[in-house]
N, C-alpha and C. Protein backbone atom coordinates (compact mmCIF):
# COMPACT_ATOMS: atom_id res chain seq x y z
N MET A 1 -23.49 2.00 -0.65
CA MET A 1 -22.89 0.76 -1.10
C MET A 1 -21.61 0.51 -0.31
N ARG A 2 -21.44 -0.69 0.16
CA ARG A 2 -20.27 -1.08 0.93
C ARG A 2 -19.12 -1.41 -0.01
N LYS A 3 -17.92 -0.97 0.35
CA LYS A 3 -16.75 -1.25 -0.47
C LYS A 3 -16.22 -2.65 -0.16
N THR A 4 -15.81 -3.34 -1.19
CA THR A 4 -15.19 -4.65 -1.05
C THR A 4 -13.77 -4.46 -0.53
N GLU A 5 -13.36 -5.31 0.40
CA GLU A 5 -12.00 -5.22 0.91
C GLU A 5 -11.01 -5.49 -0.22
N THR A 6 -9.87 -4.82 -0.15
CA THR A 6 -8.88 -4.88 -1.23
C THR A 6 -8.41 -6.30 -1.50
N HIS A 7 -8.13 -7.07 -0.46
CA HIS A 7 -7.63 -8.43 -0.69
C HIS A 7 -8.67 -9.31 -1.36
N ILE A 8 -9.95 -9.07 -1.08
CA ILE A 8 -11.02 -9.84 -1.73
C ILE A 8 -11.14 -9.43 -3.19
N LEU A 9 -11.07 -8.15 -3.46
CA LEU A 9 -11.13 -7.65 -4.84
C LEU A 9 -9.95 -8.19 -5.65
N SER A 10 -8.78 -8.18 -5.06
CA SER A 10 -7.60 -8.70 -5.74
C SER A 10 -7.74 -10.19 -6.04
N ALA A 11 -8.25 -10.94 -5.09
CA ALA A 11 -8.46 -12.38 -5.30
C ALA A 11 -9.49 -12.62 -6.41
N ALA A 12 -10.53 -11.80 -6.44
CA ALA A 12 -11.54 -11.92 -7.50
C ALA A 12 -10.93 -11.62 -8.86
N MET A 13 -10.06 -10.63 -8.92
CA MET A 13 -9.40 -10.29 -10.18
C MET A 13 -8.48 -11.43 -10.62
N HIS A 14 -7.82 -12.04 -9.66
CA HIS A 14 -6.95 -13.19 -9.97
C HIS A 14 -7.77 -14.33 -10.56
N ALA A 15 -8.92 -14.62 -9.95
CA ALA A 15 -9.80 -15.67 -10.45
C ALA A 15 -10.34 -15.31 -11.83
N LEU A 16 -10.74 -14.06 -12.01
CA LEU A 16 -11.26 -13.60 -13.29
C LEU A 16 -10.20 -13.71 -14.38
N ALA A 17 -8.97 -13.39 -14.04
CA ALA A 17 -7.88 -13.48 -15.02
C ALA A 17 -7.72 -14.91 -15.53
N GLY A 18 -7.99 -15.88 -14.67
CA GLY A 18 -7.91 -17.27 -15.09
C GLY A 18 -9.06 -17.70 -15.99
N GLU A 19 -10.17 -16.97 -15.94
CA GLU A 19 -11.35 -17.31 -16.73
C GLU A 19 -11.40 -16.58 -18.07
N ILE A 20 -10.74 -15.45 -18.17
CA ILE A 20 -10.77 -14.66 -19.41
C ILE A 20 -10.01 -15.41 -20.51
N VAL A 21 -10.61 -15.50 -21.66
CA VAL A 21 -9.97 -16.17 -22.79
C VAL A 21 -9.74 -15.15 -23.89
N SER A 22 -8.49 -15.01 -24.28
CA SER A 22 -8.16 -14.14 -25.41
C SER A 22 -6.98 -14.76 -26.14
N GLU A 23 -6.85 -14.45 -27.41
CA GLU A 23 -5.80 -15.06 -28.23
C GLU A 23 -4.40 -14.78 -27.70
N ASP A 24 -4.17 -13.55 -27.32
CA ASP A 24 -2.81 -13.18 -26.91
C ASP A 24 -2.59 -13.18 -25.39
N GLY A 25 -3.64 -13.34 -24.62
CA GLY A 25 -3.51 -13.38 -23.17
C GLY A 25 -3.31 -12.04 -22.50
N VAL A 26 -3.39 -10.96 -23.27
CA VAL A 26 -3.14 -9.62 -22.73
C VAL A 26 -4.19 -9.24 -21.69
N ALA A 27 -5.45 -9.54 -21.95
CA ALA A 27 -6.52 -9.17 -21.01
C ALA A 27 -6.30 -9.84 -19.66
N SER A 28 -6.00 -11.13 -19.67
CA SER A 28 -5.76 -11.85 -18.42
C SER A 28 -4.56 -11.28 -17.68
N ALA A 29 -3.50 -11.02 -18.41
CA ALA A 29 -2.29 -10.47 -17.80
C ALA A 29 -2.55 -9.10 -17.17
N ALA A 30 -3.33 -8.28 -17.86
CA ALA A 30 -3.63 -6.94 -17.35
C ALA A 30 -4.46 -7.02 -16.07
N ILE A 31 -5.45 -7.88 -16.05
CA ILE A 31 -6.30 -8.04 -14.87
C ILE A 31 -5.48 -8.59 -13.71
N LEU A 32 -4.64 -9.56 -13.98
CA LEU A 32 -3.79 -10.15 -12.95
C LEU A 32 -2.84 -9.11 -12.37
N GLU A 33 -2.22 -8.33 -13.23
CA GLU A 33 -1.30 -7.29 -12.77
C GLU A 33 -2.04 -6.21 -11.98
N ALA A 34 -3.21 -5.84 -12.42
CA ALA A 34 -3.99 -4.83 -11.70
C ALA A 34 -4.33 -5.30 -10.28
N GLY A 35 -4.70 -6.56 -10.14
CA GLY A 35 -4.98 -7.11 -8.81
C GLY A 35 -3.76 -7.09 -7.91
N ALA A 36 -2.61 -7.44 -8.48
CA ALA A 36 -1.37 -7.44 -7.70
C ALA A 36 -1.00 -6.02 -7.28
N ARG A 37 -1.19 -5.08 -8.18
CA ARG A 37 -0.87 -3.69 -7.85
C ARG A 37 -1.79 -3.14 -6.77
N LEU A 38 -3.05 -3.53 -6.80
CA LEU A 38 -3.98 -3.10 -5.75
C LEU A 38 -3.46 -3.53 -4.38
N LEU A 39 -3.01 -4.77 -4.29
CA LEU A 39 -2.48 -5.25 -3.01
C LEU A 39 -1.23 -4.49 -2.60
N GLU A 40 -0.33 -4.28 -3.53
CA GLU A 40 0.90 -3.54 -3.23
C GLU A 40 0.58 -2.13 -2.73
N GLN A 41 -0.31 -1.46 -3.42
CA GLN A 41 -0.66 -0.10 -3.04
C GLN A 41 -1.38 -0.06 -1.70
N SER A 42 -2.18 -1.07 -1.43
CA SER A 42 -2.88 -1.14 -0.16
C SER A 42 -1.89 -1.25 1.00
N VAL A 43 -0.87 -2.06 0.82
CA VAL A 43 0.17 -2.20 1.85
C VAL A 43 0.93 -0.89 2.02
N GLU A 44 1.29 -0.26 0.92
CA GLU A 44 2.01 1.02 0.99
C GLU A 44 1.19 2.09 1.70
N ILE A 45 -0.08 2.17 1.38
CA ILE A 45 -0.95 3.17 2.00
C ILE A 45 -1.03 2.93 3.51
N LYS A 46 -1.16 1.67 3.91
CA LYS A 46 -1.21 1.35 5.33
C LYS A 46 0.08 1.79 6.02
N GLU A 47 1.22 1.51 5.40
CA GLU A 47 2.51 1.91 5.97
C GLU A 47 2.61 3.43 6.07
N TRP A 48 2.17 4.15 5.04
CA TRP A 48 2.23 5.62 5.06
C TRP A 48 1.35 6.19 6.16
N ARG A 49 0.17 5.59 6.35
CA ARG A 49 -0.72 6.06 7.42
C ARG A 49 -0.08 5.86 8.78
N GLU A 50 0.55 4.71 8.98
CA GLU A 50 1.23 4.45 10.25
C GLU A 50 2.38 5.42 10.46
N GLN A 51 3.13 5.70 9.41
CA GLN A 51 4.25 6.64 9.50
C GLN A 51 3.75 8.05 9.79
N ALA A 52 2.67 8.44 9.15
CA ALA A 52 2.11 9.78 9.36
C ALA A 52 1.63 9.92 10.81
N ALA A 53 1.01 8.89 11.34
CA ALA A 53 0.55 8.93 12.73
C ALA A 53 1.73 9.04 13.68
N GLU A 54 2.77 8.27 13.42
CA GLU A 54 3.96 8.31 14.25
C GLU A 54 4.61 9.69 14.21
N LEU A 55 4.70 10.25 13.03
CA LEU A 55 5.29 11.58 12.87
C LEU A 55 4.43 12.64 13.55
N ALA A 56 3.12 12.52 13.45
CA ALA A 56 2.23 13.49 14.10
C ALA A 56 2.42 13.47 15.61
N VAL A 57 2.52 12.28 16.19
CA VAL A 57 2.74 12.17 17.63
C VAL A 57 4.07 12.81 18.00
N ALA A 58 5.09 12.54 17.20
CA ALA A 58 6.42 13.10 17.47
C ALA A 58 6.40 14.63 17.41
N LEU A 59 5.68 15.17 16.45
CA LEU A 59 5.65 16.62 16.29
C LEU A 59 4.84 17.32 17.38
N LEU A 60 3.97 16.58 18.04
CA LEU A 60 3.18 17.16 19.13
C LEU A 60 3.99 17.32 20.41
N SER A 61 5.12 16.66 20.48
CA SER A 61 6.00 16.79 21.64
C SER A 61 7.40 17.12 21.14
N PRO A 62 7.62 18.33 20.62
CA PRO A 62 8.84 18.68 19.88
C PRO A 62 10.15 18.62 20.65
N ASN A 63 10.12 18.65 21.96
CA ASN A 63 11.37 18.67 22.70
C ASN A 63 11.74 17.32 23.31
N SER A 64 11.07 16.28 22.87
CA SER A 64 11.32 14.97 23.48
C SER A 64 12.38 14.18 22.72
N GLU A 65 12.97 13.24 23.42
CA GLU A 65 13.94 12.33 22.80
C GLU A 65 13.25 11.49 21.72
N TYR A 66 12.00 11.11 21.97
CA TYR A 66 11.22 10.34 21.00
C TYR A 66 11.13 11.10 19.68
N THR A 67 10.83 12.39 19.76
CA THR A 67 10.72 13.21 18.56
C THR A 67 12.02 13.24 17.79
N ARG A 68 13.11 13.44 18.50
CA ARG A 68 14.41 13.48 17.83
C ARG A 68 14.73 12.16 17.15
N GLU A 69 14.38 11.06 17.79
CA GLU A 69 14.64 9.73 17.22
C GLU A 69 13.78 9.49 15.98
N VAL A 70 12.50 9.84 16.07
CA VAL A 70 11.59 9.65 14.93
C VAL A 70 12.05 10.49 13.74
N LEU A 71 12.37 11.75 13.99
CA LEU A 71 12.80 12.63 12.90
C LEU A 71 14.13 12.16 12.30
N LYS A 72 15.02 11.66 13.13
CA LYS A 72 16.28 11.11 12.63
C LYS A 72 16.02 9.91 11.72
N ASN A 73 15.10 9.04 12.12
CA ASN A 73 14.76 7.87 11.30
C ASN A 73 14.15 8.29 9.97
N TYR A 74 13.29 9.29 9.97
CA TYR A 74 12.69 9.75 8.72
C TYR A 74 13.73 10.39 7.81
N GLN A 75 14.65 11.14 8.39
CA GLN A 75 15.71 11.75 7.59
C GLN A 75 16.56 10.68 6.94
N GLU A 76 16.88 9.61 7.66
CA GLU A 76 17.67 8.52 7.10
C GLU A 76 16.93 7.83 5.96
N ARG A 77 15.62 7.65 6.11
CA ARG A 77 14.81 7.02 5.04
C ARG A 77 14.82 7.88 3.79
N ILE A 78 14.71 9.18 3.98
CA ILE A 78 14.67 10.09 2.83
C ILE A 78 15.99 10.11 2.09
N GLU A 79 17.08 10.04 2.83
CA GLU A 79 18.41 10.12 2.22
C GLU A 79 18.80 8.85 1.49
N LYS A 80 18.12 7.75 1.71
CA LYS A 80 18.46 6.48 1.04
C LYS A 80 18.03 6.47 -0.38
């Protein structure tokens, strides 16, 4: 089975949230929030993968200026 792309799934959840009818609106709100969180997490995961790849390249050449710069940037991010 093929996986649906995250942005399509999120859009479907947004549309579904508009169709769900409940007295208090909790079901619609939960579906809407879940779709938004999927998108947020998808972006974060993409950023982490890019950072991991960058760090891996830097660690493969430990004595380079590039490595020192990448590691310095990561240390600054961690300290914030």
